[in-house]
C-alpha atoms as a PDB file:
ATOM      1  CA  UNK A   1      32.052  41.652 -25.542  1.00  0.00           C
ATOM      2  CA  UNK A   2      29.448  43.623 -27.539  1.00  0.00           C
ATOM      3  CA  UNK A   3      28.875  47.362 -27.059  1.00  0.00           C
ATOM      4  CA  UNK A   4      25.482  46.711 -25.443  1.00  0.00           C
ATOM      5  CA  UNK A   5      26.952  44.186 -22.997  1.00  0.00           C
ATOM      6  CA  UNK A   6      29.777  46.557 -22.089  1.00  0.00           C
ATOM      7  CA  UNK A   7      27.284  49.356 -21.501  1.00  0.00           C
ATOM      8  CA  UNK A   8      25.066  47.159 -19.309  1.00  0.00           C
ATOM      9  CA  UNK A   9      28.076  45.970 -17.332  1.00  0.00           C
ATOM     10  CA  UNK A  10      29.296  49.540 -16.864  1.00  0.00           C
ATOM     11  CA  UNK A  11      25.859  50.694 -15.651  1.00  0.00           C
ATOM     12  CA  UNK A  12      25.605  47.837 -13.147  1.00  0.00           C
ATOM     13  CA  UNK A  13      29.168  48.210 -11.847  1.00  0.00           C
ATOM     14  CA  UNK A  14      28.840  51.975 -11.435  1.00  0.00           C
ATOM     15  CA  UNK A  15      25.488  51.507  -9.705  1.00  0.00           C
ATOM     16  CA  UNK A  16      27.195  49.087  -7.338  1.00  0.00           C
ATOM     17  CA  UNK A  17      29.925  51.650  -6.614  1.00  0.00           C
ATOM     18  CA  UNK A  18      27.323  54.332  -5.859  1.00  0.00           C
ATOM     19  CA  UNK A  19      25.511  51.907  -3.550  1.00  0.00           C
ATOM     20  CA  UNK A  20      28.784  51.304  -1.672  1.00  0.00           C
ATOM     21  CA  UNK A  21      29.442  55.033  -1.425  1.00  0.00           C
ATOM     22  CA  UNK A  22      25.935  55.624  -0.064  1.00  0.00           C
ATOM     23  CA  UNK A  23      26.290  52.852   2.506  1.00  0.00           C
ATOM     24  CA  UNK A  24      29.623  54.178   3.785  1.00  0.00           C
ATOM     25  CA  UNK A  25      27.907  57.160   5.421  1.00  0.00           C
ATOM     26  CA  UNK A  26      26.355  54.810   7.977  1.00  0.00           C
ATOM     27  CA  UNK A  27      29.538  52.726   8.329  1.00  0.00           C
ATOM     28  CA  UNK A  28      31.724  55.781   8.971  1.00  0.00           C
ATOM     29  CA  UNK A  29      29.144  57.322  11.324  1.00  0.00           C
ATOM     30  CA  UNK A  30      29.329  54.201  13.486  1.00  0.00           C
ATOM     31  CA  UNK A  31      33.133  54.089  13.467  1.00  0.00           C
ATOM     32  CA  UNK A  32      33.467  57.724  14.555  1.00  0.00           C
ATOM     33  CA  UNK A  33      32.485  56.771  18.087  1.00  0.00           C
ATOM     34  CA  UNK A  34      35.827  54.948  18.321  1.00  0.00           C
ATOM     35  CA  UNK A  35      38.194  57.122  16.282  1.00  0.00           C
ATOM     36  CA  UNK A  36      38.684  60.839  15.662  1.00  0.00           C
ATOM     37  CA  UNK A  37      37.406  61.858  12.210  1.00  0.00           C
ATOM     38  CA  UNK A  38      40.572  63.245  10.637  1.00  0.00           C
ATOM     39  CA  UNK A  39      42.668  60.320  11.845  1.00  0.00           C
ATOM     40  CA  UNK A  40      40.106  57.973  10.300  1.00  0.00           C
ATOM     41  CA  UNK A  41      40.461  59.810   6.981  1.00  0.00           C
ATOM     42  CA  UNK A  42      44.246  59.598   7.119  1.00  0.00           C
ATOM     43  CA  UNK A  43      44.205  55.851   7.811  1.00  0.00           C
ATOM     44  CA  UNK A  44      41.633  55.284   5.078  1.00  0.00           C
ATOM     45  CA  UNK A  45      43.624  57.167   2.440  1.00  0.00           C
ATOM     46  CA  UNK A  46      46.929  55.581   3.431  1.00  0.00           C
ATOM     47  CA  UNK A  47      45.437  52.096   3.011  1.00  0.00           C
ATOM     48  CA  UNK A  48      43.814  53.064  -0.293  1.00  0.00           C
ATOM     49  CA  UNK A  49      47.149  54.438  -1.559  1.00  0.00           C
ATOM     50  CA  UNK A  50      48.884  51.154  -0.723  1.00  0.00           C
ATOM     51  CA  UNK A  51      46.216  49.271  -2.691  1.00  0.00           C
ATOM     52  CA  UNK A  52      46.420  51.549  -5.737  1.00  0.00           C
ATOM     53  CA  UNK A  53      50.226  51.626  -5.641  1.00  0.00           C
ATOM     54  CA  UNK A  54      50.265  47.817  -5.733  1.00  0.00           C
ATOM     55  CA  UNK A  55      47.779  47.697  -8.639  1.00  0.00           C
ATOM     56  CA  UNK A  56      49.491  50.416 -10.742  1.00  0.00           C
ATOM     57  CA  UNK A  57      53.095  49.958  -9.541  1.00  0.00           C
ATOM     58  CA  UNK A  58      54.414  49.858 -13.109  1.00  0.00           C
ATOM     59  CA  UNK A  59      53.490  53.530 -13.632  1.00  0.00           C
ATOM     60  CA  UNK A  60      55.804  55.045 -11.021  1.00  0.00           C
ATOM     61  CA  UNK A  61      58.799  55.163 -13.351  1.00  0.00           C
ATOM     62  CA  UNK A  62      56.839  57.014 -16.060  1.00  0.00           C
ATOM     63  CA  UNK A  63      55.539  59.924 -13.963  1.00  0.00           C
ATOM     64  CA  UNK A  64      56.654  63.373 -15.141  1.00  0.00           C
ATOM     65  CA  UNK A  65      56.482  66.825 -13.550  1.00  0.00           C
ATOM     66  CA  UNK A  66      52.992  67.502 -14.952  1.00  0.00           C
ATOM     67  CA  UNK A  67      51.678  64.311 -13.341  1.00  0.00           C
ATOM     68  CA  UNK A  68      53.146  65.234  -9.936  1.00  0.00           C
ATOM     69  CA  UNK A  69      51.783  68.789 -10.022  1.00  0.00           C
ATOM     70  CA  UNK A  70      48.343  67.590 -11.193  1.00  0.00           C
ATOM     71  CA  UNK A  71      48.268  64.942  -8.476  1.00  0.00           C
ATOM     72  CA  UNK A  72      49.118  67.543  -5.815  1.00  0.00           C
ATOM     73  CA  UNK A  73      46.343  69.928  -6.916  1.00  0.00           C
ATOM     74  CA  UNK A  74      43.671  67.236  -7.213  1.00  0.00           C
ATOM     75  CA  UNK A  75      44.819  65.589  -3.973  1.00  0.00           C
ATOM     76  CA  UNK A  76      44.533  68.869  -2.036  1.00  0.00           C
ATOM     77  CA  UNK A  77      40.926  69.363  -3.169  1.00  0.00           C
ATOM     78  CA  UNK A  78      40.145  65.748  -2.302  1.00  0.00           C
ATOM     79  CA  UNK A  79      41.634  66.122   1.181  1.00  0.00           C
ATOM     80  CA  UNK A  80      39.517  69.222   1.836  1.00  0.00           C
ATOM     81  CA  UNK A  81      36.360  67.418   0.722  1.00  0.00           C
ATOM     82  CA  UNK A  82      36.949  64.316   2.824  1.00  0.00           C
ATOM     83  CA  UNK A  83      38.025  66.162   5.980  1.00  0.00           C
ATOM     84  CA  UNK A  84      35.015  68.489   5.884  1.00  0.00           C
ATOM     85  CA  UNK A  85      32.706  65.547   5.217  1.00  0.00           C
ATOM     86  CA  UNK A  86      33.972  63.330   8.020  1.00  0.00           C
ATOM     87  CA  UNK A  87      34.153  66.180  10.549  1.00  0.00           C
ATOM     88  CA  UNK A  88      30.582  67.168   9.683  1.00  0.00           C
ATOM     89  CA  UNK A  89      29.339  63.587   9.859  1.00  0.00           C
ATOM     90  CA  UNK A  90      30.076  63.480  13.596  1.00  0.00           C
ATOM     91  CA  UNK A  91      27.590  66.303  14.114  1.00  0.00           C
ATOM     92  CA  UNK A  92      24.795  65.430  11.679  1.00  0.00           C
ATOM     93  CA  UNK A  93      22.944  62.335  10.449  1.00  0.00           C
ATOM     94  CA  UNK A  94      24.192  60.097   7.607  1.00  0.00           C
ATOM     95  CA  UNK A  95      21.140  60.892   5.469  1.00  0.00           C
ATOM     96  CA  UNK A  96      21.569  64.657   5.876  1.00  0.00           C
ATOM     97  CA  UNK A  97      25.276  64.394   5.144  1.00  0.00           C
ATOM     98  CA  UNK A  98      24.645  62.434   1.967  1.00  0.00           C
ATOM     99  CA  UNK A  99      21.997  64.798   0.597  1.00  0.00           C
ATOM    100  CA  UNK A 100      24.096  67.904   1.304  1.00  0.00           C
ATOM    101  CA  UNK A 101      27.112  66.225  -0.298  1.00  0.00           C
ATOM    102  CA  UNK A 102      24.901  65.619  -3.337  1.00  0.00           C
ATOM    103  CA  UNK A 103      25.005  69.370  -3.939  1.00  0.00           C
ATOM    104  CA  UNK A 104      28.277  68.702  -5.787  1.00  0.00           C
ATOM    105  CA  UNK A 105      26.399  68.127  -9.050  1.00  0.00           C
ATOM    106  CA  UNK A 106      24.830  71.569  -8.695  1.00  0.00           C
ATOM    107  CA  UNK A 107      27.904  73.428  -7.428  1.00  0.00           C
ATOM    108  CA  UNK A 108      30.172  72.225 -10.234  1.00  0.00           C
ATOM    109  CA  UNK A 109      28.407  74.142 -13.032  1.00  0.00           C
ATOM    110  CA  UNK A 110      28.006  77.183 -10.764  1.00  0.00           C
ATOM    111  CA  UNK A 111      31.721  77.274  -9.938  1.00  0.00           C
ATOM    112  CA  UNK A 112      32.482  76.857 -13.619  1.00  0.00           C
ATOM    113  CA  UNK A 113      31.003  80.350 -14.092  1.00  0.00           C
ATOM    114  CA  UNK A 114      34.311  81.642 -12.697  1.00  0.00           C
ATOM    115  CA  UNK A 115      36.606  82.011 -15.748  1.00  0.00           C
ATOM    116  CA  UNK A 116      39.683  80.814 -13.863  1.00  0.00           C
ATOM    117  CA  UNK A 117      37.938  77.609 -12.767  1.00  0.00           C
ATOM    118  CA  UNK A 118      36.105  76.918 -16.012  1.00  0.00           C
ATOM    119  CA  UNK A 119      37.494  74.164 -18.178  1.00  0.00           C
ATOM    120  CA  UNK A 120      38.846  75.270 -21.547  1.00  0.00           C
ATOM    121  CA  UNK A 121      36.463  75.422 -24.496  1.00  0.00           C
ATOM    122  CA  UNK A 122      33.357  75.361 -22.279  1.00  0.00           C
ATOM    123  CA  UNK A 123      30.838  78.139 -21.806  1.00  0.00           C
ATOM    124  CA  UNK A 124      29.358  79.548 -18.602  1.00  0.00           C
ATOM    125  CA  UNK A 125      26.535  77.628 -16.864  1.00  0.00           C
ATOM    126  CA  UNK A 126      23.123  77.790 -18.484  1.00  0.00           C
ATOM    127  CA  UNK A 127      19.737  78.651 -17.029  1.00  0.00           C
ATOM    128  CA  UNK A 128      19.065  75.107 -15.820  1.00  0.00           C
ATOM    129  CA  UNK A 129      22.176  75.174 -13.608  1.00  0.00           C
ATOM    130  CA  UNK A 130      21.025  78.345 -11.834  1.00  0.00           C
ATOM    131  CA  UNK A 131      17.479  76.998 -11.452  1.00  0.00           C
ATOM    132  CA  UNK A 132      18.813  73.703 -10.095  1.00  0.00           C
ATOM    133  CA  UNK A 133      20.973  75.545  -7.571  1.00  0.00           C
ATOM    134  CA  UNK A 134      18.021  77.611  -6.310  1.00  0.00           C
ATOM    135  CA  UNK A 135      15.776  74.551  -5.934  1.00  0.00           C
ATOM    136  CA  UNK A 136      18.506  72.590  -4.148  1.00  0.00           C
ATOM    137  CA  UNK A 137      19.266  75.539  -1.828  1.00  0.00           C
ATOM    138  CA  UNK A 138      15.697  75.596  -0.565  1.00  0.00           C
ATOM    139  CA  UNK A 139      15.929  71.853  -0.148  1.00  0.00           C
ATOM    140  CA  UNK A 140      18.925  72.352   2.139  1.00  0.00           C
ATOM    141  CA  UNK A 141      16.959  74.966   4.101  1.00  0.00           C
ATOM    142  CA  UNK A 142      14.154  72.461   4.748  1.00  0.00           C
ATOM    143  CA  UNK A 143      16.596  69.658   5.457  1.00  0.00           C
ATOM    144  CA  UNK A 144      18.755  71.515   7.954  1.00  0.00           C
ATOM    145  CA  UNK A 145      16.334  73.795   9.835  1.00  0.00           C
ATOM    146  CA  UNK A 146      13.934  72.508  12.505  1.00  0.00           C
ATOM    147  CA  UNK A 147      10.198  72.388  11.815  1.00  0.00           C
ATOM    148  CA  UNK A 148       8.392  75.637  12.572  1.00  0.00           C
ATOM    149  CA  UNK A 149      11.585  77.686  12.491  1.00  0.00           C
ATOM    150  CA  UNK A 150      12.073  80.574  10.131  1.00  0.00           C
ATOM    151  CA  UNK A 151      15.270  80.413   8.127  1.00  0.00           C
ATOM    152  CA  UNK A 152      18.310  82.028   9.654  1.00  0.00           C
ATOM    153  CA  UNK A 153      21.937  81.037   9.673  1.00  0.00           C
ATOM    154  CA  UNK A 154      21.858  80.283  13.413  1.00  0.00           C
ATOM    155  CA  UNK A 155      19.344  77.474  12.833  1.00  0.00           C
ATOM    156  CA  UNK A 156      21.801  75.550  10.651  1.00  0.00           C
ATOM    157  CA  UNK A 157      23.953  73.169  12.661  1.00  0.00           C
ATOM    158  CA  UNK A 158      27.746  73.159  12.579  1.00  0.00           C
ATOM    159  CA  UNK A 159      27.686  69.657  11.108  1.00  0.00           C
ATOM    160  CA  UNK A 160      25.527  70.886   8.203  1.00  0.00           C
ATOM    161  CA  UNK A 161      27.913  73.789   7.511  1.00  0.00           C
ATOM    162  CA  UNK A 162      30.951  71.522   7.597  1.00  0.00           C
ATOM    163  CA  UNK A 163      29.242  69.113   5.222  1.00  0.00           C
ATOM    164  CA  UNK A 164      28.449  71.945   2.820  1.00  0.00           C
ATOM    165  CA  UNK A 165      32.167  72.782   2.942  1.00  0.00           C
ATOM    166  CA  UNK A 166      32.785  69.197   1.858  1.00  0.00           C
ATOM    167  CA  UNK A 167      30.467  69.709  -1.141  1.00  0.00           C
ATOM    168  CA  UNK A 168      32.546  72.755  -2.139  1.00  0.00           C
ATOM    169  CA  UNK A 169      35.778  70.770  -1.728  1.00  0.00           C
ATOM    170  CA  UNK A 170      34.514  67.889  -3.849  1.00  0.00           C
ATOM    171  CA  UNK A 171      33.248  70.360  -6.468  1.00  0.00           C
ATOM    172  CA  UNK A 172      36.722  71.873  -6.732  1.00  0.00           C
ATOM    173  CA  UNK A 173      38.052  68.327  -7.000  1.00  0.00           C
ATOM    174  CA  UNK A 174      35.763  67.665  -9.966  1.00  0.00           C
ATOM    175  CA  UNK A 175      36.949  70.837 -11.702  1.00  0.00           C
ATOM    176  CA  UNK A 176      40.596  70.023 -10.969  1.00  0.00           C
ATOM    177  CA  UNK A 177      40.101  66.571 -12.470  1.00  0.00           C
ATOM    178  CA  UNK A 178      38.466  68.098 -15.535  1.00  0.00           C
ATOM    179  CA  UNK A 179      41.552  70.275 -16.052  1.00  0.00           C
ATOM    180  CA  UNK A 180      44.164  67.608 -15.292  1.00  0.00           C
ATOM    181  CA  UNK A 181      42.820  64.229 -16.398  1.00  0.00           C
ATOM    182  CA  UNK A 182      43.068  64.829 -20.194  1.00  0.00           C
ATOM    183  CA  UNK A 183      46.807  65.508 -19.824  1.00  0.00           C
ATOM    184  CA  UNK A 184      47.804  62.752 -17.368  1.00  0.00           C
ATOM    185  CA  UNK A 185      47.357  58.980 -17.531  1.00  0.00           C
ATOM    186  CA  UNK A 186      44.408  58.031 -15.341  1.00  0.00           C
ATOM    187  CA  UNK A 187      46.435  55.362 -13.509  1.00  0.00           C
ATOM    188  CA  UNK A 188      49.083  57.912 -12.524  1.00  0.00           C
ATOM    189  CA  UNK A 189      46.512  60.497 -11.502  1.00  0.00           C
ATOM    190  CA  UNK A 190      44.645  57.903  -9.406  1.00  0.00           C
ATOM    191  CA  UNK A 191      47.809  56.979  -7.497  1.00  0.00           C
ATOM    192  CA  UNK A 192      49.122  60.517  -7.055  1.00  0.00           C
ATOM    193  CA  UNK A 193      45.892  62.174  -5.956  1.00  0.00           C
ATOM    194  CA  UNK A 194      45.381  59.579  -3.230  1.00  0.00           C
ATOM    195  CA  UNK A 195      49.052  59.817  -2.243  1.00  0.00           C
ATOM    196  CA  UNK A 196      49.035  63.607  -1.998  1.00  0.00           C
ATOM    197  CA  UNK A 197      45.655  63.510  -0.257  1.00  0.00           C
ATOM    198  CA  UNK A 198      47.265  61.284   2.379  1.00  0.00           C
ATOM    199  CA  UNK A 199      50.212  63.686   2.746  1.00  0.00           C
ATOM    200  CA  UNK A 200      47.978  66.754   3.142  1.00  0.00           C
ATOM    201  CA  UNK A 201      45.778  64.962   5.668  1.00  0.00           C
ATOM    202  CA  UNK A 202      48.840  63.882   7.637  1.00  0.00           C
ATOM    203  CA  UNK A 203      50.268  67.413   7.653  1.00  0.00           C
ATOM    204  CA  UNK A 204      47.004  68.973   8.837  1.00  0.00           C
ATOM    205  CA  UNK A 205      46.101  66.339  11.418  1.00  0.00           C
ATOM    206  CA  UNK A 206      48.126  67.683  14.401  1.00  0.00           C
ATOM    207  CA  UNK A 207      46.928  71.225  13.664  1.00  0.00           C
ATOM    208  CA  UNK A 208      43.207  70.445  13.383  1.00  0.00           C
ATOM    209  CA  UNK A 209      42.521  67.791  16.017  1.00  0.00           C
ATOM    210  CA  UNK A 210      43.909  65.701  18.834  1.00  0.00           C
ATOM    211  CA  UNK A 211      43.869  62.249  17.211  1.00  0.00           C
ATOM    212  CA  UNK A 212      42.701  59.260  19.186  1.00  0.00           C
ATOM    213  CA  UNK A 213      41.511  55.747  18.402  1.00  0.00           C
ATOM    214  CA  UNK A 214      40.131  52.668  20.139  1.00  0.00           C
ATOM    215  CA  UNK A 215      40.896  49.673  17.935  1.00  0.00           C
ATOM    216  CA  UNK A 216      37.461  48.059  17.908  1.00  0.00           C
ATOM    217  CA  UNK A 217      36.066  45.669  15.265  1.00  0.00           C
ATOM    218  CA  UNK A 218      33.845  48.528  14.084  1.00  0.00           C
ATOM    219  CA  UNK A 219      36.894  50.632  13.200  1.00  0.00           C
ATOM    220  CA  UNK A 220      38.615  47.786  11.361  1.00  0.00           C
ATOM    221  CA  UNK A 221      35.479  47.005   9.342  1.00  0.00           C
ATOM    222  CA  UNK A 222      34.944  50.666   8.456  1.00  0.00           C
ATOM    223  CA  UNK A 223      38.568  51.098   7.375  1.00  0.00           C
ATOM    224  CA  UNK A 224      38.453  47.947   5.283  1.00  0.00           C
ATOM    225  CA  UNK A 225      35.232  48.910   3.506  1.00  0.00           C
ATOM    226  CA  UNK A 226      36.098  52.571   2.901  1.00  0.00           C
ATOM    227  CA  UNK A 227      39.755  52.080   1.945  1.00  0.00           C
ATOM    228  CA  UNK A 228      39.497  48.982  -0.225  1.00  0.00           C
ATOM    229  CA  UNK A 229      35.938  48.997  -1.605  1.00  0.00           C
ATOM    230  CA  UNK A 230      34.884  52.673  -1.476  1.00  0.00           C
ATOM    231  CA  UNK A 231      38.222  54.148  -2.568  1.00  0.00           C
ATOM    232  CA  UNK A 232      40.695  51.806  -4.294  1.00  0.00           C
ATOM    233  CA  UNK A 233      38.225  49.463  -6.036  1.00  0.00           C
ATOM    234  CA  UNK A 234      35.675  52.235  -6.649  1.00  0.00           C
ATOM    235  CA  UNK A 235      38.293  54.430  -8.337  1.00  0.00           C
ATOM    236  CA  UNK A 236      39.260  51.622 -10.714  1.00  0.00           C
ATOM    237  CA  UNK A 237      35.642  50.717 -11.532  1.00  0.00           C
ATOM    238  CA  UNK A 238      34.534  54.310 -12.048  1.00  0.00           C
ATOM    239  CA  UNK A 239      37.499  55.092 -14.282  1.00  0.00           C
ATOM    240  CA  UNK A 240      36.693  52.113 -16.515  1.00  0.00           C
ATOM    241  CA  UNK A 241      32.929  52.729 -16.515  1.00  0.00           C
ATOM    242  CA  UNK A 242      33.283  56.362 -17.567  1.00  0.00           C
ATOM    243  CA  UNK A 243      35.190  55.258 -20.662  1.00  0.00           C
ATOM    244  CA  UNK A 244      32.054  53.361 -21.726  1.00  0.00           C
ATOM    245  CA  UNK A 245      29.135  55.488 -20.524  1.00  0.00           C
ATOM    246  CA  UNK A 246      28.058  58.970 -21.641  1.00  0.00           C
ATOM    247  CA  UNK A 247      28.794  61.681 -19.086  1.00  0.00           C
ATOM    248  CA  UNK A 248      25.090  62.416 -18.529  1.00  0.00           C
ATOM    249  CA  UNK A 249      24.420  58.757 -17.649  1.00  0.00           C
ATOM    250  CA  UNK A 250      27.287  58.774 -15.198  1.00  0.00           C
ATOM    251  CA  UNK A 251      26.130  61.974 -13.499  1.00  0.00           C
ATOM    252  CA  UNK A 252      22.593  60.681 -13.042  1.00  0.00           C
ATOM    253  CA  UNK A 253      23.828  57.406 -11.554  1.00  0.00           C
ATOM    254  CA  UNK A 254      26.091  59.314  -9.147  1.00  0.00           C
ATOM    255  CA  UNK A 255      23.114  61.430  -8.099  1.00  0.00           C
ATOM    256  CA  UNK A 256      21.598  58.273  -6.572  1.00  0.00           C
ATOM    257  CA  UNK A 257      24.228  58.208  -3.810  1.00  0.00           C
ATOM    258  CA  UNK A 258      22.091  60.204  -1.307  1.00  0.00           C
ATOM    259  CA  UNK A 259      19.196  57.833  -1.944  1.00  0.00           C
ATOM    260  CA  UNK A 260      21.319  54.802  -1.038  1.00  0.00           C
ATOM    261  CA  UNK A 261      22.621  56.671   2.015  1.00  0.00           C
ATOM    262  CA  UNK A 262      19.087  57.433   3.182  1.00  0.00           C
ATOM    263  CA  UNK A 263      18.011  53.800   2.622  1.00  0.00           C
ATOM    264  CA  UNK A 264      20.936  52.375   4.591  1.00  0.00           C
ATOM    265  CA  UNK A 265      20.484  54.968   7.340  1.00  0.00           C
ATOM    266  CA  UNK A 266      16.794  54.068   7.602  1.00  0.00           C
ATOM    267  CA  UNK A 267      17.330  50.290   7.428  1.00  0.00           C
ATOM    268  CA  UNK A 268      20.315  50.062   9.801  1.00  0.00           C
ATOM    269  CA  UNK A 269      19.856  53.011  12.165  1.00  0.00           C
ATOM    270  CA  UNK A 270      16.135  53.706  11.909  1.00  0.00           C
ATOM    271  CA  UNK A 271      16.899  57.359  11.135  1.00  0.00           C
ATOM    272  CA  UNK A 272      14.234  58.821   8.896  1.00  0.00           C
ATOM    273  CA  UNK A 273      14.140  62.379   7.641  1.00  0.00           C
ATOM    274  CA  UNK A 274      10.581  63.229   8.673  1.00  0.00           C
ATOM    275  CA  UNK A 275       8.063  65.032   6.466  1.00  0.00           C
ATOM    276  CA  UNK A 276       9.958  68.345   6.359  1.00  0.00           C
ATOM    277  CA  UNK A 277      13.343  66.701   5.854  1.00  0.00           C
ATOM    278  CA  UNK A 278      11.973  64.394   3.165  1.00  0.00           C
ATOM    279  CA  UNK A 279      10.556  67.398   1.295  1.00  0.00           C
ATOM    280  CA  UNK A 280      13.977  69.039   1.484  1.00  0.00           C
ATOM    281  CA  UNK A 281      15.696  65.895   0.232  1.00  0.00           C
ATOM    282  CA  UNK A 282      13.278  65.673  -2.705  1.00  0.00           C
ATOM    283  CA  UNK A 283      13.991  69.313  -3.574  1.00  0.00           C
ATOM    284  CA  UNK A 284      17.723  68.614  -3.578  1.00  0.00           C
ATOM    285  CA  UNK A 285      17.180  65.661  -5.911  1.00  0.00           C
ATOM    286  CA  UNK A 286      14.948  67.871  -8.071  1.00  0.00           C
ATOM    287  CA  UNK A 287      17.707  70.485  -8.262  1.00  0.00           C
ATOM    288  CA  UNK A 288      20.188  67.794  -9.251  1.00  0.00           C
ATOM    289  CA  UNK A 289      17.807  66.487 -11.916  1.00  0.00           C
ATOM    290  CA  UNK A 290      17.161  69.955 -13.375  1.00  0.00           C
ATOM    291  CA  UNK A 291      20.914  70.501 -13.611  1.00  0.00           C
ATOM    292  CA  UNK A 292      21.775  67.116 -15.077  1.00  0.00           C
ATOM    293  CA  UNK A 293      18.940  66.208 -17.447  1.00  0.00           C
ATOM    294  CA  UNK A 294      20.006  69.168 -19.568  1.00  0.00           C
ATOM    295  CA  UNK A 295      23.787  68.654 -19.766  1.00  0.00           C
ATOM    296  CA  UNK A 296      25.892  71.297 -18.030  1.00  0.00           C
ATOM    297  CA  UNK A 297      29.277  72.530 -19.309  1.00  0.00           C
ATOM    298  CA  UNK A 298      31.161  70.312 -16.834  1.00  0.00           C
ATOM    299  CA  UNK A 299      29.928  66.911 -15.722  1.00  0.00           C
ATOM    300  CA  UNK A 300      31.055  65.474 -12.372  1.00  0.00           C
ATOM    301  CA  UNK A 301      33.471  62.591 -12.780  1.00  0.00           C
ATOM    302  CA  UNK A 302      33.828  61.605  -9.106  1.00  0.00           C
ATOM    303  CA  UNK A 303      31.727  60.852  -5.589  1.00  0.00           C
ATOM    304  CA  UNK A 304      32.474  61.271  -2.295  1.00  0.00           C
ATOM    305  CA  UNK A 305      31.772  61.112  -1.690  1.00  0.00           C
ATOM    306  CA  UNK A 306      32.815  62.516  -3.665  1.00  0.00           C
ATOM    307  CA  UNK A 307      34.274  62.814  -3.462  1.00  0.00           C
ATOM    308  CA  UNK A 308      36.045  60.428  -5.525  1.00  0.00           C
ATOM    309  CA  UNK A 309      33.723  59.471  -1.606  1.00  0.00           C
END
């Protein structure tokens, strides 16, 4: 296969992954009427781990201490991102959740200003990262506050705050991956981060919620799509695609996730953002574009949601 064909295939496959990630906001939102959010996350990750363990089963015997420690750190950040996202999604709309989650591509360079979080041999964020963060912040203000209201923290809903916590969690996940992935085989890191994410979610579940579930077709469909397509398959596709594509191309494709989420939310649920919300969403996308068109010191390497979402 020629270099051009490989590049085209990588673009199309990664675009398909981002489309799936965007659509899962609506799928999960529907399923949360029949299952508690943190239990849903635990079931999703457990199924995804089984899939990845079956695909990469030959790597278990070659895992060393560095791989286990790296997997635990990355998995903890991933668990925080997913739990905040799913808990917030119960209290906000899929389109809002997706656009706030999209703040990951702005938060990553800002967090990299902290020397302890910054990846080796990279400098602090440049002017475009700070400008992008300011633009995106005002987008969040418009997106999360009701029309005619002056900005104050009381006007932001709990679901919006939880979802912003998810953006922070996924941003830390990106930085953890940037530190760990060069030193650990990607197959091992894929298995271990999902495995540890499952363990952390299981440990926190009885402390954070009273789990419950009604086994409806909606729950089974959501688990199948999110565990197999949006996690196990998406991880494999993204890992391969990022070996072919430049980091800036990847980041810009990932930035389309909120757009796909808004489209599926509008098509399937009839939930539009309104004039004010649409202006806020456009500002968030503008902030993402300002940050990413001029490459930042650290480029996001995952979804989700996320994360790896």
